Amino acid sequence: MTITKYTKDFIDNLVDYYISEAPSYRQIAEAYAPEINSVSDAAFGIITGCVYSAFLRAYENENKTVELEDIQEFNKILKEKAPLIKKAVLEQ
């Protein structure tokens, strides 16, 4: 495991926050309809992009370099949380 426990907890808490705010991100995505094919997929992408951005900022704040293994582990964490994010985005 290359991601520290602190960073993993940060990611988990951040995902929980975005899940709680999913309706807001769905509303943002709806503003782009009909240019997008799927509002829920767009909202999912916005949320995962925000989490990824925060992950990179966390490394920057710690003056650490993001290594390939870190990104792979981040992707694994996010993939495990993906069903929860998707469910939150789909709920109206």
PDB file of N, CA and C in Angstrom:
ATOM      1  N   MET A   1       0.847  -1.175   0.000  1.00  0.00           N
ATOM      2  CA  MET A   1       0.000   0.000   0.000  1.00  0.00           C
ATOM      3  C   MET A   1       0.891   1.236   0.000  1.00  0.00           C
ATOM      4  N   THR A   2       0.696   2.120  -0.955  1.00  0.00           N
ATOM      5  CA  THR A   2       1.537   3.302  -1.057  1.00  0.00           C
ATOM      6  C   THR A   2       0.844   4.561  -0.555  1.00  0.00           C
ATOM      7  N   ILE A   3      -0.481   4.597  -0.611  1.00  0.00           N
ATOM      8  CA  ILE A   3      -1.207   5.751  -0.110  1.00  0.00           C
ATOM      9  C   ILE A   3      -1.243   5.663   1.418  1.00  0.00           C
ATOM     10  N   THR A   4      -0.918   6.768   2.069  1.00  0.00           N
ATOM     11  CA  THR A   4      -0.923   6.767   3.529  1.00  0.00           C
ATOM     12  C   THR A   4      -2.350   6.607   4.060  1.00  0.00           C
ATOM     13  N   LYS A   5      -2.446   6.169   5.301  1.00  0.00           N
ATOM     14  CA  LYS A   5      -3.758   6.032   5.936  1.00  0.00           C
ATOM     15  C   LYS A   5      -4.453   7.381   5.986  1.00  0.00           C
ATOM     16  N   TYR A   6      -3.706   8.432   6.265  1.00  0.00           N
ATOM     17  CA  TYR A   6      -4.275   9.778   6.305  1.00  0.00           C
ATOM     18  C   TYR A   6      -4.905  10.142   4.958  1.00  0.00           C
ATOM     19  N   THR A   7      -4.204   9.887   3.883  1.00  0.00           N
ATOM     20  CA  THR A   7      -4.717  10.228   2.552  1.00  0.00           C
ATOM     21  C   THR A   7      -5.898   9.333   2.190  1.00  0.00           C
ATOM     22  N   LYS A   8      -5.828   8.059   2.533  1.00  0.00           N
ATOM     23  CA  LYS A   8      -6.951   7.158   2.259  1.00  0.00           C
ATOM     24  C   LYS A   8      -8.197   7.617   3.016  1.00  0.00           C
ATOM     25  N   ASP A   9      -8.033   7.977   4.295  1.00  0.00           N
ATOM     26  CA  ASP A   9      -9.166   8.488   5.076  1.00  0.00           C
ATOM     27  C   ASP A   9      -9.712   9.776   4.469  1.00  0.00           C
ATOM     28  N   PHE A  10      -8.803  10.622   3.989  1.00  0.00           N
ATOM     29  CA  PHE A  10      -9.212  11.863   3.329  1.00  0.00           C
ATOM     30  C   PHE A  10     -10.056  11.562   2.098  1.00  0.00           C
ATOM     31  N   ILE A  11      -9.622  10.619   1.281  1.00  0.00           N
ATOM     32  CA  ILE A  11     -10.365  10.236   0.081  1.00  0.00           C
ATOM     33  C   ILE A  11     -11.729   9.665   0.462  1.00  0.00           C
ATOM     34  N   ASP A  12     -11.750   8.766   1.439  1.00  0.00           N
ATOM     35  CA  ASP A  12     -13.022   8.179   1.877  1.00  0.00           C
ATOM     36  C   ASP A  12     -14.000   9.249   2.358  1.00  0.00           C
ATOM     37  N   ASN A  13     -13.513  10.180   3.170  1.00  0.00           N
ATOM     38  CA  ASN A  13     -14.376  11.254   3.668  1.00  0.00           C
ATOM     39  C   ASN A  13     -14.847  12.167   2.549  1.00  0.00           C
ATOM     40  N   LEU A  14     -13.967  12.414   1.598  1.00  0.00           N
ATOM     41  CA  LEU A  14     -14.320  13.254   0.467  1.00  0.00           C
ATOM     42  C   LEU A  14     -15.399  12.593  -0.390  1.00  0.00           C
ATOM     43  N   VAL A  15     -15.250  11.313  -0.640  1.00  0.00           N
ATOM     44  CA  VAL A  15     -16.265  10.584  -1.405  1.00  0.00           C
ATOM     45  C   VAL A  15     -17.599  10.628  -0.666  1.00  0.00           C
ATOM     46  N   ASP A  16     -17.568  10.425   0.638  1.00  0.00           N
ATOM     47  CA  ASP A  16     -18.809  10.501   1.422  1.00  0.00           C
ATOM     48  C   ASP A  16     -19.459  11.878   1.294  1.00  0.00           C
ATOM     49  N   TYR A  17     -18.645  12.923   1.317  1.00  0.00           N
ATOM     50  CA  TYR A  17     -19.176  14.276   1.150  1.00  0.00           C
ATOM     51  C   TYR A  17     -19.835  14.435  -0.215  1.00  0.00           C
ATOM     52  N   TYR A  18     -19.146  14.032  -1.269  1.00  0.00           N
ATOM     53  CA  TYR A  18     -19.707  14.182  -2.606  1.00  0.00           C
ATOM     54  C   TYR A  18     -20.955  13.324  -2.802  1.00  0.00           C
ATOM     55  N   ILE A  19     -21.010  12.172  -2.153  1.00  0.00           N
ATOM     56  CA  ILE A  19     -22.221  11.354  -2.213  1.00  0.00           C
ATOM     57  C   ILE A  19     -23.382  12.119  -1.585  1.00  0.00           C
ATOM     58  N   SER A  20     -23.124  12.777  -0.477  1.00  0.00           N
ATOM     59  CA  SER A  20     -24.191  13.537   0.180  1.00  0.00           C
ATOM     60  C   SER A  20     -24.635  14.743  -0.648  1.00  0.00           C
ATOM     61  N   GLU A  21     -23.764  15.220  -1.508  1.00  0.00           N
ATOM     62  CA  GLU A  21     -24.069  16.377  -2.353  1.00  0.00           C
ATOM     63  C   GLU A  21     -24.395  15.992  -3.802  1.00  0.00           C
ATOM     64  N   ALA A  22     -24.590  14.715  -4.066  1.00  0.00           N
ATOM     65  CA  ALA A  22     -24.816  14.231  -5.430  1.00  0.00           C
ATOM     66  C   ALA A  22     -25.944  14.953  -6.168  1.00  0.00           C
ATOM     67  N   PRO A  23     -27.069  15.265  -5.511  1.00  0.00           N
ATOM     68  CA  PRO A  23     -28.122  15.985  -6.248  1.00  0.00           C
ATOM     69  C   PRO A  23     -27.651  17.324  -6.824  1.00  0.00           C
ATOM     70  N   SER A  24     -26.766  17.995  -6.127  1.00  0.00           N
ATOM     71  CA  SER A  24     -26.237  19.268  -6.639  1.00  0.00           C
ATOM     72  C   SER A  24     -25.415  19.047  -7.903  1.00  0.00           C
ATOM     73  N   TYR A  25     -24.627  17.984  -7.913  1.00  0.00           N
ATOM     74  CA  TYR A  25     -23.791  17.706  -9.082  1.00  0.00           C
ATOM     75  C   TYR A  25     -24.635  17.187 -10.244  1.00  0.00           C
ATOM     76  N   ARG A  26     -25.706  16.503  -9.926  1.00  0.00           N
ATOM     77  CA  ARG A  26     -26.643  16.094 -10.966  1.00  0.00           C
ATOM     78  C   ARG A  26     -27.272  17.334 -11.604  1.00  0.00           C
ATOM     79  N   GLN A  27     -27.618  18.306 -10.777  1.00  0.00           N
ATOM     80  CA  GLN A  27     -28.209  19.552 -11.283  1.00  0.00           C
ATOM     81  C   GLN A  27     -27.227  20.295 -12.188  1.00  0.00           C
ATOM     82  N   ILE A  28     -25.962  20.296 -11.812  1.00  0.00           N
ATOM     83  CA  ILE A  28     -24.946  20.916 -12.672  1.00  0.00           C
ATOM     84  C   ILE A  28     -24.914  20.208 -14.019  1.00  0.00           C
ATOM     85  N   ALA A  29     -24.916  18.890 -14.001  1.00  0.00           N
ATOM     86  CA  ALA A  29     -24.869  18.117 -15.247  1.00  0.00           C
ATOM     87  C   ALA A  29     -26.114  18.350 -16.092  1.00  0.00           C
ATOM     88  N   GLU A  30     -27.274  18.482 -15.454  1.00  0.00           N
ATOM     89  CA  GLU A  30     -28.522  18.712 -16.194  1.00  0.00           C
ATOM     90  C   GLU A  30     -28.475  20.009 -16.989  1.00  0.00           C
ATOM     91  N   ALA A  31     -27.687  20.955 -16.539  1.00  0.00           N
ATOM     92  CA  ALA A  31     -27.563  22.224 -17.251  1.00  0.00           C
ATOM     93  C   ALA A  31     -26.941  22.043 -18.633  1.00  0.00           C
ATOM     94  N   TYR A  32     -26.285  20.916 -18.852  1.00  0.00           N
ATOM     95  CA  TYR A  32     -25.626  20.659 -20.132  1.00  0.00           C
ATOM     96  C   TYR A  32     -26.437  19.764 -21.060  1.00  0.00           C
ATOM     97  N   ALA A  33     -27.622  19.368 -20.633  1.00  0.00           N
ATOM     98  CA  ALA A  33     -28.498  18.582 -21.502  1.00  0.00           C
ATOM     99  C   ALA A  33     -29.077  19.528 -22.548  1.00  0.00           C
ATOM    100  N   PRO A  34     -29.246  19.187 -23.757  1.00  0.00           N
ATOM    101  CA  PRO A  34     -29.088  17.893 -24.402  1.00  0.00           C
ATOM    102  C   PRO A  34     -27.705  17.656 -25.003  1.00  0.00           C
ATOM    103  N   GLU A  35     -26.738  18.508 -24.690  1.00  0.00           N
ATOM    104  CA  GLU A  35     -25.400  18.321 -25.257  1.00  0.00           C
ATOM    105  C   GLU A  35     -24.730  17.043 -24.772  1.00  0.00           C
ATOM    106  N   ILE A  36     -25.157  16.535 -23.613  1.00  0.00           N
ATOM    107  CA  ILE A  36     -24.581  15.303 -23.083  1.00  0.00           C
ATOM    108  C   ILE A  36     -25.566  14.157 -23.273  1.00  0.00           C
ATOM    109  N   ASN A  37     -25.053  12.967 -23.346  1.00  0.00           N
ATOM    110  CA  ASN A  37     -25.910  11.800 -23.549  1.00  0.00           C
ATOM    111  C   ASN A  37     -26.517  11.282 -22.259  1.00  0.00           C
ATOM    112  N   SER A  38     -25.833  11.449 -21.146  1.00  0.00           N
ATOM    113  CA  SER A  38     -26.298  10.889 -19.886  1.00  0.00           C
ATOM    114  C   SER A  38     -26.003  11.857 -18.744  1.00  0.00           C
ATOM    115  N   VAL A  39     -27.052  12.383 -18.139  1.00  0.00           N
ATOM    116  CA  VAL A  39     -26.894  13.298 -17.011  1.00  0.00           C
ATOM    117  C   VAL A  39     -26.216  12.578 -15.844  1.00  0.00           C
ATOM    118  N   SER A  40     -26.642  11.349 -15.568  1.00  0.00           N
ATOM    119  CA  SER A  40     -26.053  10.639 -14.432  1.00  0.00           C
ATOM    120  C   SER A  40     -24.577  10.323 -14.667  1.00  0.00           C
ATOM    121  N   ASP A  41     -24.214   9.959 -15.880  1.00  0.00           N
ATOM    122  CA  ASP A  41     -22.801   9.699 -16.177  1.00  0.00           C
ATOM    123  C   ASP A  41     -21.973  10.972 -16.076  1.00  0.00           C
ATOM    124  N   ALA A  42     -22.539  12.090 -16.529  1.00  0.00           N
ATOM    125  CA  ALA A  42     -21.827  13.369 -16.430  1.00  0.00           C
ATOM    126  C   ALA A  42     -21.637  13.762 -14.968  1.00  0.00           C
ATOM    127  N   ALA A  43     -22.672  13.603 -14.148  1.00  0.00           N
ATOM    128  CA  ALA A  43     -22.567  13.927 -12.724  1.00  0.00           C
ATOM    129  C   ALA A  43     -21.534  13.024 -12.052  1.00  0.00           C
ATOM    130  N   PHE A  44     -21.547  11.750 -12.405  1.00  0.00           N
ATOM    131  CA  PHE A  44     -20.557  10.803 -11.882  1.00  0.00           C
ATOM    132  C   PHE A  44     -19.146  11.281 -12.245  1.00  0.00           C
ATOM    133  N   GLY A  45     -18.969  11.700 -13.480  1.00  0.00           N
ATOM    134  CA  GLY A  45     -17.659  12.184 -13.931  1.00  0.00           C
ATOM    135  C   GLY A  45     -17.225  13.449 -13.212  1.00  0.00           C
ATOM    136  N   ILE A  46     -18.160  14.354 -12.966  1.00  0.00           N
ATOM    137  CA  ILE A  46     -17.825  15.570 -12.234  1.00  0.00           C
ATOM    138  C   ILE A  46     -17.344  15.210 -10.830  1.00  0.00           C
ATOM    139  N   ILE A  47     -18.091  14.329 -10.161  1.00  0.00           N
ATOM    140  CA  ILE A  47     -17.736  13.945  -8.792  1.00  0.00           C
ATOM    141  C   ILE A  47     -16.376  13.256  -8.755  1.00  0.00           C
ATOM    142  N   THR A  48     -16.165  12.277  -9.616  1.00  0.00           N
ATOM    143  CA  THR A  48     -14.889  11.565  -9.588  1.00  0.00           C
ATOM    144  C   THR A  48     -13.731  12.493  -9.966  1.00  0.00           C
ATOM    145  N   GLY A  49     -13.996  13.427 -10.858  1.00  0.00           N
ATOM    146  CA  GLY A  49     -12.972  14.406 -11.211  1.00  0.00           C
ATOM    147  C   GLY A  49     -12.614  15.304 -10.038  1.00  0.00           C
ATOM    148  N   CYS A  50     -13.602  15.706  -9.265  1.00  0.00           N
ATOM    149  CA  CYS A  50     -13.356  16.530  -8.077  1.00  0.00           C
ATOM    150  C   CYS A  50     -12.541  15.753  -7.042  1.00  0.00           C
ATOM    151  N   VAL A  51     -12.881  14.494  -6.844  1.00  0.00           N
ATOM    152  CA  VAL A  51     -12.145  13.663  -5.874  1.00  0.00           C
ATOM    153  C   VAL A  51     -10.703  13.483  -6.348  1.00  0.00           C
ATOM    154  N   TYR A  52     -10.511  13.229  -7.636  1.00  0.00           N
ATOM    155  CA  TYR A  52      -9.165  13.051  -8.178  1.00  0.00           C
ATOM    156  C   TYR A  52      -8.345  14.329  -8.012  1.00  0.00           C
ATOM    157  N   SER A  53      -8.964  15.457  -8.294  1.00  0.00           N
ATOM    158  CA  SER A  53      -8.281  16.738  -8.148  1.00  0.00           C
ATOM    159  C   SER A  53      -7.846  16.966  -6.701  1.00  0.00           C
ATOM    160  N   ALA A  54      -8.724  16.648  -5.762  1.00  0.00           N
ATOM    161  CA  ALA A  54      -8.389  16.804  -4.347  1.00  0.00           C
ATOM    162  C   ALA A  54      -7.270  15.843  -3.933  1.00  0.00           C
ATOM    163  N   PHE A  55      -7.278  14.643  -4.499  1.00  0.00           N
ATOM    164  CA  PHE A  55      -6.217  13.664  -4.250  1.00  0.00           C
ATOM    165  C   PHE A  55      -4.869  14.236  -4.693  1.00  0.00           C
ATOM    166  N   LEU A  56      -4.835  14.818  -5.879  1.00  0.00           N
ATOM    167  CA  LEU A  56      -3.589  15.406  -6.373  1.00  0.00           C
ATOM    168  C   LEU A  56      -3.156  16.585  -5.506  1.00  0.00           C
ATOM    169  N   ARG A  57      -4.110  17.414  -5.084  1.00  0.00           N
ATOM    170  CA  ARG A  57      -3.789  18.547  -4.214  1.00  0.00           C
ATOM    171  C   ARG A  57      -3.238  18.085  -2.866  1.00  0.00           C
ATOM    172  N   ALA A  58      -3.780  16.992  -2.347  1.00  0.00           N
ATOM    173  CA  ALA A  58      -3.295  16.463  -1.069  1.00  0.00           C
ATOM    174  C   ALA A  58      -1.821  16.092  -1.184  1.00  0.00           C
ATOM    175  N   TYR A  59      -1.443  15.479  -2.290  1.00  0.00           N
ATOM    176  CA  TYR A  59      -0.037  15.130  -2.500  1.00  0.00           C
ATOM    177  C   TYR A  59       0.806  16.398  -2.648  1.00  0.00           C
ATOM    178  N   GLU A  60       0.279  17.369  -3.366  1.00  0.00           N
ATOM    179  CA  GLU A  60       1.010  18.623  -3.550  1.00  0.00           C
ATOM    180  C   GLU A  60       1.219  19.326  -2.214  1.00  0.00           C
ATOM    181  N   ASN A  61       0.185  19.329  -1.376  1.00  0.00           N
ATOM    182  CA  ASN A  61       0.288  19.975  -0.065  1.00  0.00           C
ATOM    183  C   ASN A  61       1.313  19.294   0.832  1.00  0.00           C
ATOM    184  N   GLU A  62       1.534  18.003   0.611  1.00  0.00           N
ATOM    185  CA  GLU A  62       2.517  17.250   1.385  1.00  0.00           C
ATOM    186  C   GLU A  62       3.889  17.241   0.704  1.00  0.00           C
ATOM    187  N   ASN A  63       3.997  17.990  -0.397  1.00  0.00           N
ATOM    188  CA  ASN A  63       5.237  18.042  -1.181  1.00  0.00           C
ATOM    189  C   ASN A  63       5.703  16.656  -1.598  1.00  0.00           C
ATOM    190  N   LYS A  64       4.725  15.815  -1.982  1.00  0.00           N
ATOM    191  CA  LYS A  64       5.026  14.465  -2.440  1.00  0.00           C
ATOM    192  C   LYS A  64       4.749  14.365  -3.930  1.00  0.00           C
ATOM    193  N   THR A  65       5.450  13.468  -4.570  1.00  0.00           N
ATOM    194  CA  THR A  65       5.232  13.184  -5.979  1.00  0.00           C
ATOM    195  C   THR A  65       4.256  12.021  -6.096  1.00  0.00           C
ATOM    196  N   VAL A  66       3.272  12.169  -6.968  1.00  0.00           N
ATOM    197  CA  VAL A  66       2.306  11.095  -7.195  1.00  0.00           C
ATOM    198  C   VAL A  66       2.961  10.069  -8.118  1.00  0.00           C
ATOM    199  N   GLU A  67       3.111   8.875  -7.606  1.00  0.00           N
ATOM    200  CA  GLU A  67       3.709   7.794  -8.375  1.00  0.00           C
ATOM    201  C   GLU A  67       2.608   6.958  -9.022  1.00  0.00           C
ATOM    202  N   LEU A  68       2.986   6.159  -9.999  1.00  0.00           N
ATOM    203  CA  LEU A  68       2.032   5.297 -10.696  1.00  0.00           C
ATOM    204  C   LEU A  68       1.281   4.406  -9.710  1.00  0.00           C
ATOM    205  N   GLU A  69       2.001   3.861  -8.739  1.00  0.00           N
ATOM    206  CA  GLU A  69       1.359   2.981  -7.750  1.00  0.00           C
ATOM    207  C   GLU A  69       0.296   3.723  -6.943  1.00  0.00           C
ATOM    208  N   ASP A  70       0.540   5.007  -6.665  1.00  0.00           N
ATOM    209  CA  ASP A  70      -0.425   5.816  -5.927  1.00  0.00           C
ATOM    210  C   ASP A  70      -1.707   5.994  -6.740  1.00  0.00           C
ATOM    211  N   ILE A  71      -1.548   6.281  -8.010  1.00  0.00           N
ATOM    212  CA  ILE A  71      -2.707   6.459  -8.875  1.00  0.00           C
ATOM    213  C   ILE A  71      -3.467   5.147  -9.024  1.00  0.00           C
ATOM    214  N   GLN A  72      -2.731   4.057  -9.147  1.00  0.00           N
ATOM    215  CA  GLN A  72      -3.397   2.758  -9.245  1.00  0.00           C
ATOM    216  C   GLN A  72      -4.191   2.448  -7.981  1.00  0.00           C
ATOM    217  N   GLU A  73      -3.618   2.749  -6.832  1.00  0.00           N
ATOM    218  CA  GLU A  73      -4.325   2.510  -5.576  1.00  0.00           C
ATOM    219  C   GLU A  73      -5.523   3.448  -5.437  1.00  0.00           C
ATOM    220  N   PHE A  74      -5.352   4.707  -5.844  1.00  0.00           N
ATOM    221  CA  PHE A  74      -6.471   5.658  -5.837  1.00  0.00           C
ATOM    222  C   PHE A  74      -7.603   5.126  -6.707  1.00  0.00           C
ATOM    223  N   ASN A  75      -7.272   4.663  -7.897  1.00  0.00           N
ATOM    224  CA  ASN A  75      -8.295   4.123  -8.801  1.00  0.00           C
ATOM    225  C   ASN A  75      -9.021   2.930  -8.181  1.00  0.00           C
ATOM    226  N   LYS A  76      -8.283   2.089  -7.464  1.00  0.00           N
ATOM    227  CA  LYS A  76      -8.901   0.943  -6.800  1.00  0.00           C
ATOM    228  C   LYS A  76      -9.883   1.416  -5.727  1.00  0.00           C
ATOM    229  N   ILE A  77      -9.471   2.386  -4.937  1.00  0.00           N
ATOM    230  CA  ILE A  77     -10.349   2.934  -3.897  1.00  0.00           C
ATOM    231  C   ILE A  77     -11.606   3.518  -4.521  1.00  0.00           C
ATOM    232  N   LEU A  78     -11.424   4.324  -5.565  1.00  0.00           N
ATOM    233  CA  LEU A  78     -12.569   4.973  -6.203  1.00  0.00           C
ATOM    234  C   LEU A  78     -13.481   3.957  -6.883  1.00  0.00           C
ATOM    235  N   LYS A  79     -12.892   2.931  -7.465  1.00  0.00           N
ATOM    236  CA  LYS A  79     -13.705   1.892  -8.110  1.00  0.00           C
ATOM    237  C   LYS A  79     -14.572   1.168  -7.087  1.00  0.00           C
ATOM    238  N   GLU A  80     -14.036   0.955  -5.888  1.00  0.00           N
ATOM    239  CA  GLU A  80     -14.821   0.332  -4.829  1.00  0.00           C
ATOM    240  C   GLU A  80     -15.987   1.225  -4.394  1.00  0.00           C
ATOM    241  N   LYS A  81     -15.787   2.529  -4.465  1.00  0.00           N
ATOM    242  CA  LYS A  81     -16.825   3.492  -4.058  1.00  0.00           C
ATOM    243  C   LYS A  81     -17.772   3.851  -5.205  1.00  0.00           C
ATOM    244  N   ALA A  82     -17.424   3.471  -6.428  1.00  0.00           N
ATOM    245  CA  ALA A  82     -18.208   3.854  -7.607  1.00  0.00           C
ATOM    246  C   ALA A  82     -19.684   3.478  -7.517  1.00  0.00           C
ATOM    247  N   PRO A  83     -20.033   2.275  -7.052  1.00  0.00           N
ATOM    248  CA  PRO A  83     -21.463   1.955  -6.960  1.00  0.00           C
ATOM    249  C   PRO A  83     -22.228   2.892  -6.023  1.00  0.00           C
ATOM    250  N   LEU A  84     -21.580   3.325  -4.951  1.00  0.00           N
ATOM    251  CA  LEU A  84     -22.235   4.249  -4.027  1.00  0.00           C
ATOM    252  C   LEU A  84     -22.426   5.630  -4.655  1.00  0.00           C
ATOM    253  N   ILE A  85     -21.416   6.062  -5.395  1.00  0.00           N
ATOM    254  CA  ILE A  85     -21.515   7.353  -6.093  1.00  0.00           C
ATOM    255  C   ILE A  85     -22.622   7.288  -7.145  1.00  0.00           C
ATOM    256  N   LYS A  86     -22.616   6.225  -7.929  1.00  0.00           N
ATOM    257  CA  LYS A  86     -23.611   6.073  -8.997  1.00  0.00           C
ATOM    258  C   LYS A  86     -25.024   6.022  -8.415  1.00  0.00           C
ATOM    259  N   LYS A  87     -25.202   5.285  -7.326  1.00  0.00           N
ATOM    260  CA  LYS A  87     -26.525   5.191  -6.689  1.00  0.00           C
ATOM    261  C   LYS A  87     -26.980   6.576  -6.228  1.00  0.00           C
ATOM    262  N   ALA A  88     -26.094   7.326  -5.623  1.00  0.00           N
ATOM    263  CA  ALA A  88     -26.444   8.664  -5.144  1.00  0.00           C
ATOM    264  C   ALA A  88     -26.806   9.596  -6.296  1.00  0.00           C
ATOM    265  N   VAL A  89     -26.115   9.473  -7.410  1.00  0.00           N
ATOM    266  CA  VAL A  89     -26.395  10.313  -8.577  1.00  0.00           C
ATOM    267  C   VAL A  89     -27.742   9.952  -9.200  1.00  0.00           C
ATOM    268  N   LEU A  90     -28.097   8.674  -9.169  1.00  0.00           N
ATOM    269  CA  LEU A  90     -29.348   8.224  -9.783  1.00  0.00           C
ATOM    270  C   LEU A  90     -30.581   8.543  -8.949  1.00  0.00           C
ATOM    271  N   GLU A  91     -30.395   8.711  -7.640  1.00  0.00           N
ATOM    272  CA  GLU A  91     -31.548   9.013  -6.784  1.00  0.00           C
ATOM    273  C   GLU A  91     -32.009  10.436  -7.049  1.00  0.00           C
ATOM    274  N   GLN A  92     -33.317  10.601  -7.063  1.00  0.00           N
ATOM    275  CA  GLN A  92     -33.879  11.934  -7.356  1.00  0.00           C
ATOM    276  C   GLN A  92     -34.362  12.611  -6.104  1.00  0.00           C
TER     277      GLN A  92
END
